[in-house]
N, C-alpha and C. Protein backbone atom coordinates (compact mmCIF):
# COMPACT_ATOMS: atom_id res chain seq x y z
N MET A 1 15.17 -36.58 0.18
CA MET A 1 14.30 -35.89 -0.91
C MET A 1 13.15 -34.76 -0.85
N LYS A 2 12.58 -34.74 0.16
CA LYS A 2 11.64 -33.93 0.51
C LYS A 2 12.30 -32.53 1.04
N THR A 3 13.27 -32.78 1.81
CA THR A 3 14.17 -31.75 2.19
C THR A 3 14.43 -30.81 1.13
N GLN A 4 15.21 -31.79 0.04
CA GLN A 4 15.94 -31.07 -1.30
C GLN A 4 14.77 -30.10 -2.14
N ALA A 5 13.65 -30.91 -1.92
CA ALA A 5 12.38 -30.31 -2.58
C ALA A 5 12.14 -28.77 -1.90
N LYS A 6 12.06 -28.90 -0.57
CA LYS A 6 11.57 -27.78 -0.19
C LYS A 6 12.73 -26.60 -0.34
N LEU A 7 14.22 -27.00 -0.15
CA LEU A 7 15.15 -26.23 -0.56
C LEU A 7 15.00 -25.55 -1.62
N LYS A 8 14.86 -26.22 -2.62
CA LYS A 8 14.66 -25.78 -3.86
C LYS A 8 13.38 -24.60 -3.62
N SER A 9 12.04 -25.05 -3.38
CA SER A 9 11.12 -24.20 -3.46
C SER A 9 11.39 -23.01 -2.73
N LYS A 10 12.29 -22.93 -1.42
CA LYS A 10 12.33 -21.61 -0.87
C LYS A 10 13.65 -20.77 -1.90
N LYS A 11 14.49 -21.93 -2.12
CA LYS A 11 15.47 -20.85 -3.41
C LYS A 11 14.81 -20.23 -4.15
N SER A 12 13.58 -21.27 -4.82
CA SER A 12 13.07 -20.32 -5.86
C SER A 12 12.08 -19.49 -5.55
N ILE A 13 11.61 -19.32 -4.29
CA ILE A 13 10.67 -18.22 -3.60
C ILE A 13 11.76 -17.11 -3.56
N LEU A 14 12.80 -17.02 -3.10
CA LEU A 14 13.91 -16.00 -2.88
C LEU A 14 14.37 -15.49 -4.07
N GLN A 15 14.36 -16.48 -4.96
CA GLN A 15 14.70 -15.90 -6.43
C GLN A 15 13.71 -15.02 -6.87
N GLN A 16 12.34 -15.18 -6.80
CA GLN A 16 11.32 -14.77 -7.49
C GLN A 16 11.17 -13.39 -6.57
N ALA A 17 11.28 -13.29 -5.28
CA ALA A 17 11.24 -12.23 -4.41
C ALA A 17 12.13 -11.29 -4.81
N LEU A 18 13.64 -11.48 -4.86
CA LEU A 18 14.65 -10.73 -5.58
C LEU A 18 14.26 -10.26 -6.96
N GLN A 19 13.43 -11.11 -7.83
CA GLN A 19 13.36 -10.90 -8.96
C GLN A 19 12.41 -9.47 -9.00
N LEU A 20 11.34 -9.56 -8.15
CA LEU A 20 10.11 -8.65 -8.12
C LEU A 20 10.76 -7.29 -7.51
N SER A 21 11.65 -7.56 -6.69
CA SER A 21 12.38 -6.24 -6.11
C SER A 21 13.29 -5.49 -6.68
N LYS A 22 13.52 -5.89 -7.77
CA LYS A 22 14.86 -5.04 -8.52
C LYS A 22 14.32 -3.77 -8.96
N VAL A 23 13.35 -3.83 -10.08
CA VAL A 23 12.87 -2.58 -10.39
C VAL A 23 12.46 -1.53 -9.24
N PRO A 24 11.62 -1.99 -8.28
CA PRO A 24 11.14 -0.72 -7.32
C PRO A 24 12.47 -0.46 -6.35
N ILE A 25 13.49 -1.38 -6.78
CA ILE A 25 14.86 -0.56 -5.40
C ILE A 25 15.12 0.37 -6.20
N ILE A 26 15.43 -0.05 -8.00
CA ILE A 26 16.00 1.08 -8.68
C ILE A 26 15.30 2.44 -8.81
N ILE A 27 13.94 2.30 -9.04
CA ILE A 27 13.03 3.64 -8.92
C ILE A 27 12.86 4.09 -7.42
N ALA A 28 13.10 3.55 -6.65
CA ALA A 28 13.21 4.29 -5.13
C ALA A 28 14.57 5.04 -5.08
N CYS A 29 15.47 4.46 -5.59
CA CYS A 29 16.92 5.13 -5.63
C CYS A 29 16.82 6.25 -6.26
N PHE A 30 15.91 6.80 -7.11
CA PHE A 30 15.54 7.79 -7.81
C PHE A 30 14.44 8.84 -7.13
N VAL A 31 13.35 8.15 -6.29
CA VAL A 31 12.48 9.18 -5.64
C VAL A 31 12.80 9.77 -4.76
N THR A 32 13.72 9.38 -3.77
CA THR A 32 13.91 9.82 -2.69
C THR A 32 14.99 11.42 -2.77
N PRO A 33 15.85 11.21 -4.10
CA PRO A 33 16.73 12.10 -4.29
C PRO A 33 15.81 13.49 -4.86
N ILE A 34 14.76 13.00 -5.92
CA ILE A 34 13.96 13.67 -6.47
C ILE A 34 13.10 14.52 -5.49
N ARG A 35 12.50 13.79 -4.35
CA ARG A 35 11.84 14.40 -3.69
C ARG A 35 12.49 15.42 -2.52
N PHE A 36 13.44 15.03 -2.37
CA PHE A 36 14.44 15.86 -1.76
C PHE A 36 14.80 17.29 -2.42
N ILE A 37 15.20 17.07 -3.85
CA ILE A 37 15.51 18.42 -4.43
C ILE A 37 14.08 19.29 -4.60
N LEU A 38 12.94 18.68 -4.77
CA LEU A 38 11.89 19.60 -5.21
C LEU A 38 11.83 19.93 -3.56
N GLU A 39 11.85 19.16 -2.46
CA GLU A 39 11.72 19.67 -1.42
C GLU A 39 12.54 21.35 -0.71
N TYR A 40 13.75 21.00 -1.10
CA TYR A 40 15.09 21.85 -1.13
C TYR A 40 14.74 23.13 -2.07
N ILE A 41 14.51 22.99 -3.55
CA ILE A 41 14.10 24.23 -4.24
C ILE A 41 12.70 25.01 -3.81
N GLY A 42 12.04 24.24 -2.82
CA GLY A 42 10.58 25.06 -1.99
C GLY A 42 9.45 24.82 -2.53
N LEU A 43 9.41 23.80 -3.32
CA LEU A 43 7.93 23.31 -3.45
C LEU A 43 7.23 22.81 -2.27
N PRO A 44 5.83 23.07 -2.22
CA PRO A 44 5.06 22.65 -0.82
C PRO A 44 4.65 21.39 -0.94
N GLU A 45 4.72 21.20 0.56
CA GLU A 45 4.61 19.77 0.89
C GLU A 45 3.38 18.93 0.11
N ASN A 46 2.44 19.58 0.25
CA ASN A 46 1.13 18.86 -0.29
C ASN A 46 1.22 18.70 -1.88
N VAL A 47 2.35 19.15 -2.66
CA VAL A 47 2.93 19.38 -4.09
C VAL A 47 3.67 17.70 -4.11
N ILE A 48 4.60 18.04 -3.23
CA ILE A 48 5.29 16.67 -3.49
C ILE A 48 5.14 15.15 -2.66
N PHE A 49 3.99 15.70 -1.75
CA PHE A 49 3.42 14.56 -0.54
C PHE A 49 3.33 13.01 -1.63
N ILE A 50 2.76 13.29 -2.72
CA ILE A 50 2.53 12.02 -3.19
C ILE A 50 3.76 11.31 -3.84
N ILE A 51 4.84 11.92 -3.84
CA ILE A 51 6.26 11.24 -4.55
C ILE A 51 6.74 10.89 -2.94
N GLY A 52 6.81 9.72 -2.67
CA GLY A 52 7.09 9.29 -1.54
C GLY A 52 7.48 7.55 -1.69
N LEU A 53 7.97 6.82 -0.92
CA LEU A 53 8.15 5.53 -0.51
C LEU A 53 6.87 4.56 -0.53
N LEU A 54 6.29 5.29 0.54
CA LEU A 54 4.76 4.56 0.83
C LEU A 54 3.90 4.14 -0.59
N TRP A 55 3.83 5.50 -1.04
CA TRP A 55 3.04 5.26 -2.46
C TRP A 55 3.60 4.33 -3.66
N LEU A 56 5.03 4.43 -3.56
CA LEU A 56 5.44 3.39 -4.37
C LEU A 56 5.19 1.97 -4.06
N THR A 57 5.69 2.09 -2.98
CA THR A 57 5.27 0.62 -2.39
C THR A 57 3.82 -0.26 -2.41
N LEU A 58 2.78 0.69 -1.97
CA LEU A 58 1.39 0.44 -2.40
C LEU A 58 1.13 0.47 -3.57
N GLY A 59 1.70 0.89 -4.45
CA GLY A 59 1.59 0.64 -5.90
C GLY A 59 2.02 -0.64 -6.30
N PHE A 60 3.55 -1.03 -6.14
CA PHE A 60 4.18 -2.16 -6.56
C PHE A 60 3.22 -3.35 -5.96
N SER A 61 2.91 -3.36 -4.65
CA SER A 61 2.02 -4.31 -4.07
C SER A 61 0.91 -4.72 -4.87
N VAL A 62 -0.08 -3.70 -5.23
CA VAL A 62 -1.12 -3.69 -6.08
C VAL A 62 -0.93 -4.53 -7.31
N TYR A 63 0.22 -3.84 -7.73
CA TYR A 63 0.64 -4.47 -9.47
C TYR A 63 1.15 -5.86 -9.13
N TRP A 64 2.04 -6.17 -8.35
CA TRP A 64 2.55 -7.74 -8.35
C TRP A 64 1.21 -8.68 -8.24
N SER A 65 0.20 -8.10 -7.35
CA SER A 65 -1.03 -8.95 -6.99
C SER A 65 -1.78 -9.26 -8.01
N ILE A 66 -2.00 -8.35 -9.09
CA ILE A 66 -2.61 -8.17 -10.08
C ILE A 66 -1.84 -9.16 -11.08
N LYS A 67 -0.70 -8.84 -11.11
CA LYS A 67 0.02 -9.60 -12.43
C LYS A 67 0.53 -11.18 -11.98
N TRP A 68 0.60 -11.38 -10.75
CA TRP A 68 1.18 -12.58 -10.06
C TRP A 68 0.29 -13.36 -9.26
N TYR A 69 -1.13 -13.06 -9.15
CA TYR A 69 -1.67 -13.51 -7.96
C TYR A 69 -2.37 -15.06 -8.58
N ASP A 70 -1.69 -15.63 -9.61
CA ASP A 70 -2.10 -16.91 -9.78
C ASP A 70 -0.87 -18.16 -9.73
N LYS A 71 0.43 -17.20 -9.04
CA LYS A 71 1.40 -18.04 -8.88
C LYS A 71 1.56 -18.75 -7.55
N PRO A 72 2.09 -20.13 -7.45
CA PRO A 72 2.28 -20.81 -6.24
C PRO A 72 2.69 -19.84 -4.81
N LYS A 73 2.26 -19.84 -4.00
CA LYS A 73 2.99 -19.12 -2.74
C LYS A 73 3.22 -17.63 -2.92
N PHE A 74 2.30 -17.08 -3.81
CA PHE A 74 2.39 -15.73 -4.13
C PHE A 74 2.50 -14.59 -2.82
N LEU A 75 1.62 -14.85 -2.04
CA LEU A 75 1.52 -13.94 -0.67
C LEU A 75 3.12 -14.41 0.06
N SER A 76 3.82 -15.43 0.02
CA SER A 76 4.84 -15.57 0.49
C SER A 76 5.82 -14.80 -0.52
N ILE A 77 5.94 -14.50 -1.56
CA ILE A 77 6.88 -14.07 -2.35
C ILE A 77 6.57 -12.51 -2.32
N LEU A 78 5.35 -12.18 -2.14
CA LEU A 78 5.25 -10.75 -1.95
C LEU A 78 5.75 -10.43 -0.71
N LEU A 79 5.56 -10.91 0.34
CA LEU A 79 6.04 -10.72 1.88
C LEU A 79 7.27 -10.65 1.75
N LEU A 80 8.06 -11.35 1.20
CA LEU A 80 9.57 -11.38 0.79
C LEU A 80 10.12 -10.58 0.11
N SER A 81 9.30 -9.98 -0.86
CA SER A 81 9.63 -8.95 -1.66
C SER A 81 9.90 -7.66 -0.99
N LEU A 82 8.64 -7.39 -0.32
CA LEU A 82 8.46 -6.30 0.61
C LEU A 82 9.52 -6.06 1.68
N CYS A 83 9.84 -7.10 2.13
CA CYS A 83 11.06 -7.30 3.00
C CYS A 83 12.36 -7.00 2.68
N ILE A 84 12.34 -7.43 1.45
CA ILE A 84 13.91 -7.05 0.49
C ILE A 84 13.92 -5.51 0.35
N TYR A 85 12.92 -5.13 -0.41
CA TYR A 85 12.73 -3.65 -1.11
C TYR A 85 12.78 -2.56 -0.12
N SER A 86 11.69 -2.87 1.01
CA SER A 86 11.60 -2.08 1.67
C SER A 86 12.87 -1.31 2.66
N PRO A 87 13.59 -1.79 3.47
CA PRO A 87 14.67 -1.66 3.99
C PRO A 87 15.78 -0.70 3.03
N ILE A 88 15.83 -1.75 1.90
CA ILE A 88 16.87 -1.05 1.06
C ILE A 88 16.30 0.05 0.22
N SER A 89 15.31 0.25 0.08
CA SER A 89 14.81 1.80 -0.53
C SER A 89 14.72 2.82 0.67
N ARG A 90 15.12 2.57 1.75
CA ARG A 90 14.71 3.43 2.66
C ARG A 90 16.21 4.02 2.91
N ILE A 91 17.25 3.53 2.75
CA ILE A 91 18.82 3.86 2.60
C ILE A 91 18.76 5.31 2.00
N PRO A 92 18.07 5.59 1.00
CA PRO A 92 18.46 7.11 0.47
C PRO A 92 17.87 8.06 1.30
N VAL A 93 16.83 7.71 1.86
CA VAL A 93 16.13 8.52 3.10
C VAL A 93 17.40 8.99 4.24
N ALA A 94 18.31 7.80 4.51
CA ALA A 94 19.11 7.96 5.53
C ALA A 94 20.13 8.85 4.98
N ILE A 95 20.56 8.57 3.71
CA ILE A 95 21.68 9.60 2.92
C ILE A 95 21.05 11.04 3.17
N ALA A 96 20.03 11.25 2.81
CA ALA A 96 19.23 12.62 2.36
C ALA A 96 19.54 13.19 3.93
N TRP A 97 19.41 12.20 5.14
CA TRP A 97 19.47 13.09 6.41
C TRP A 97 20.51 13.34 6.75
N TRP A 98 21.69 12.72 6.14
CA TRP A 98 23.03 12.84 6.40
C TRP A 98 23.35 14.38 5.53
N ILE A 99 23.14 14.15 4.36
CA ILE A 99 23.41 15.45 3.39
C ILE A 99 22.55 16.66 4.24
N ASP A 100 21.44 16.76 4.50
CA ASP A 100 20.53 17.57 5.31
C ASP A 100 21.08 18.24 6.73
N VAL A 101 21.66 17.35 7.33
CA VAL A 101 22.45 17.75 8.56
C VAL A 101 23.75 18.39 8.27
N ASN A 102 24.61 17.52 7.58
CA ASN A 102 25.96 18.07 7.16
C ASN A 102 26.06 19.31 6.39
N TRP A 103 24.87 19.99 5.94
CA TRP A 103 25.08 21.07 4.94
C TRP A 103 23.86 22.39 5.35
N GLN A 104 23.12 21.69 6.55
CA GLN A 104 22.03 22.50 7.47
C GLN A 104 21.10 22.84 5.78
N LEU A 105 20.44 22.18 5.31
CA LEU A 105 19.88 22.63 4.19
C LEU A 105 18.26 23.03 4.48
N GLY A 106 17.65 22.37 5.56
CA GLY A 106 16.39 22.64 6.40
C GLY A 106 15.33 21.91 5.56
N THR A 107 15.86 20.81 5.19
CA THR A 107 14.49 19.97 4.70
C THR A 107 13.98 19.21 5.59
N HIS A 108 12.85 18.44 5.46
CA HIS A 108 12.49 17.42 6.54
C HIS A 108 13.14 16.59 6.91
N TYR A 109 14.22 16.20 6.20
CA TYR A 109 14.89 15.07 6.25
C TYR A 109 15.90 15.16 7.50
N GLY A 110 16.21 16.59 7.61
CA GLY A 110 17.12 16.58 9.02
C GLY A 110 16.31 16.94 10.24
N LEU A 111 15.22 17.11 10.26
CA LEU A 111 14.41 17.02 11.43
C LEU A 111 14.44 15.94 12.27
N TYR A 112 13.98 16.07 13.69
CA TYR A 112 13.51 14.62 14.35
C TYR A 112 14.88 13.81 14.93
N PHE A 113 15.70 13.75 14.40
CA PHE A 113 17.06 12.91 14.84
C PHE A 113 18.26 13.54 14.76
N ASN A 114 19.19 13.15 16.07
CA ASN A 114 20.48 13.86 16.08
C ASN A 114 21.42 12.84 15.57
N THR A 115 21.51 11.19 15.57
CA THR A 115 22.63 10.77 15.40
C THR A 115 22.06 10.10 14.27
N PHE A 116 23.18 9.12 13.34
CA PHE A 116 22.96 8.33 12.44
C PHE A 116 22.10 7.16 12.90
N ASP A 117 22.91 6.72 14.09
CA ASP A 117 22.08 5.24 14.90
C ASP A 117 20.88 5.83 14.56
N GLN A 118 20.35 6.73 15.31
CA GLN A 118 18.64 7.25 15.52
C GLN A 118 18.26 7.10 13.87
N VAL A 119 18.61 7.53 12.93
CA VAL A 119 18.11 7.46 11.45
C VAL A 119 17.99 6.25 11.30
N LEU A 120 19.16 5.52 11.35
CA LEU A 120 18.97 3.75 10.94
C LEU A 120 17.71 2.99 11.54
N LEU A 121 17.76 3.62 12.82
CA LEU A 121 16.54 2.62 13.64
C LEU A 121 15.42 2.87 12.70
N ASN A 122 14.94 4.57 12.81
CA ASN A 122 13.82 5.13 12.68
C ASN A 122 13.60 4.96 11.17
N HIS A 123 14.52 5.97 10.16
CA HIS A 123 14.42 5.77 8.86
C HIS A 123 14.18 4.38 8.19
N VAL A 124 15.14 3.53 8.58
CA VAL A 124 15.41 2.34 7.64
C VAL A 124 14.76 0.98 8.55
N PHE A 125 14.82 0.94 9.59
CA PHE A 125 14.08 -0.11 10.22
C PHE A 125 12.40 0.16 10.27
N TYR A 126 12.10 1.30 11.13
CA TYR A 126 10.77 1.44 11.35
C TYR A 126 9.99 2.04 9.77
N GLY A 127 10.76 2.50 9.08
CA GLY A 127 10.15 3.33 7.90
C GLY A 127 9.83 2.08 7.09
N ALA A 128 10.89 1.13 7.13
CA ALA A 128 10.63 -0.10 6.27
C ALA A 128 9.44 -0.73 6.88
N LEU A 129 9.08 -0.92 8.08
CA LEU A 129 7.82 -1.69 8.47
C LEU A 129 6.78 -0.75 8.00
N VAL A 130 6.80 0.36 8.18
CA VAL A 130 5.62 1.47 7.70
C VAL A 130 5.50 1.20 6.25
N GLN A 131 6.22 0.62 5.21
CA GLN A 131 6.09 0.12 3.97
C GLN A 131 5.69 -1.20 3.96
N ILE A 132 6.04 -1.96 4.74
CA ILE A 132 5.91 -3.41 4.54
C ILE A 132 4.41 -3.98 4.91
N ILE A 133 4.20 -3.38 6.34
CA ILE A 133 2.90 -3.74 6.57
C ILE A 133 1.72 -3.14 5.76
N PRO A 134 1.35 -1.78 5.69
CA PRO A 134 0.53 -1.47 4.65
C PRO A 134 0.46 -2.11 3.11
N GLY A 135 1.84 -2.39 2.42
CA GLY A 135 2.17 -3.03 1.38
C GLY A 135 1.68 -4.45 1.15
N PHE A 136 1.63 -5.15 2.38
CA PHE A 136 1.46 -6.34 2.16
C PHE A 136 -0.03 -6.63 2.31
N ILE A 137 -0.65 -5.58 3.56
CA ILE A 137 -2.18 -5.98 3.59
C ILE A 137 -2.81 -5.44 2.11
N ILE A 138 -2.28 -4.11 1.48
CA ILE A 138 -3.22 -3.78 0.24
C ILE A 138 -2.62 -5.01 -0.84
N GLY A 139 -1.48 -5.64 -0.87
CA GLY A 139 -1.45 -6.75 -1.90
C GLY A 139 -2.27 -7.96 -1.60
N ALA A 140 -2.40 -8.05 -0.39
CA ALA A 140 -3.16 -9.40 -0.19
C ALA A 140 -4.82 -9.06 -0.30
N ILE A 141 -5.22 -8.15 -0.11
CA ILE A 141 -6.80 -7.61 -0.59
C ILE A 141 -6.61 -7.84 -1.92
N THR A 142 -5.48 -6.98 -2.72
CA THR A 142 -5.60 -7.70 -4.29
C THR A 142 -5.82 -8.83 -4.63
N PHE A 143 -4.95 -9.14 -3.90
CA PHE A 143 -4.79 -10.78 -4.11
C PHE A 143 -5.95 -11.83 -3.70
N VAL A 144 -6.92 -11.22 -3.03
CA VAL A 144 -8.23 -12.31 -2.97
C VAL A 144 -9.10 -11.68 -3.70
N ILE A 145 -9.09 -10.22 -3.92
CA ILE A 145 -10.06 -9.63 -5.04
C ILE A 145 -9.83 -10.35 -6.53
N MET A 146 -8.58 -10.89 -6.84
CA MET A 146 -8.27 -11.08 -7.95
C MET A 146 -8.66 -12.83 -7.83
N GLN A 147 -8.23 -13.12 -6.92
CA GLN A 147 -8.45 -14.95 -6.67
C GLN A 147 -10.22 -14.86 -7.06
N SER A 148 -10.47 -14.08 -6.03
CA SER A 148 -12.21 -14.04 -6.36
C SER A 148 -12.80 -13.86 -7.92
N ARG A 149 -12.06 -12.95 -8.49
CA ARG A 149 -12.51 -12.57 -9.54
C ARG A 149 -12.33 -13.77 -10.77
N ARG A 150 -11.02 -14.57 -10.70
CA ARG A 150 -10.97 -15.92 -11.23
C ARG A 150 -11.98 -16.86 -11.10
N LYS A 151 -12.47 -16.86 -9.96
CA LYS A 151 -13.31 -18.19 -9.43
C LYS A 151 -14.53 -17.81 -9.98
N THR A 152 -15.01 -16.53 -9.88
CA THR A 152 -16.33 -16.18 -10.44
C THR A 152 -15.93 -16.36 -12.04
N LYS A 153 -15.33 -16.21 -13.08
CA LYS A 153 -14.87 -15.93 -14.20
C LYS A 153 -14.92 -17.44 -14.38
N ASN A 154 -14.11 -18.30 -13.70
CA ASN A 154 -14.43 -19.87 -14.36
C ASN A 154 -15.77 -20.45 -13.75
N ILE A 155 -16.51 -19.81 -12.94
CA ILE A 155 -18.17 -20.48 -12.93
C ILE A 155 -18.91 -19.97 -13.93
N ASN A 156 -18.66 -18.89 -14.44
CA ASN A 156 -19.28 -18.29 -15.58
C ASN A 156 -18.77 -18.67 -16.94
N GLN A 157 -17.64 -19.43 -16.84
CA GLN A 157 -17.39 -20.26 -18.31
C GLN A 157 -17.85 -21.18 -18.08
N GLN A 158 -18.15 -21.96 -16.80
CA GLN A 158 -18.76 -23.65 -16.58
C GLN A 158 -20.26 -23.79 -17.13
N SER A 159 -20.87 -22.25 -16.47
CA SER A 159 -22.41 -22.33 -16.59
C SER A 159 -22.41 -22.20 -18.19
N CYS A 160 -21.82 -21.17 -18.43
CA CYS A 160 -21.99 -21.25 -20.44
C CYS A 160 -21.82 -22.70 -20.97
N ASN A 161 -20.85 -23.19 -20.51
CA ASN A 161 -19.96 -24.21 -21.54
C ASN A 161 -21.14 -25.83 -21.17
N GLY A 162 -21.52 -25.44 -19.77
CA GLY A 162 -22.46 -26.51 -19.17
C GLY A 162 -23.85 -26.45 -19.78
């Protein structure tokens, strides 16, 4: 019986993580092509720097933590959501590398790596870690702040009512 409850709980956590990941994945599929195009047409890096997957990840981590801090096992859901979202969000970066290298467009996507295997390892795997780790840290900090605010609010309400 306990095993069935654990499976249900794990499935529920996975379903919640998938649900949280959907919108950021869709947005990420547009962010990289937009940044690629802006870089290609010549906008300076300091202008397009803010348009990036790391900033998107940090933003969603904070948003999720503010919105869902009272969910049971939220930190597990947050980490799993980031582990789903981050590698998938990096796929357009690998595609941008391929386009840049094949057509020699001269964006930063075509620098640094010579083979698609290197791109997958560095842009998709390592790049995902670069999103997951700070995203989880920022999300966890936000979660702790929100939990603390809730406790303070509850204490204040009890002292006013008592």
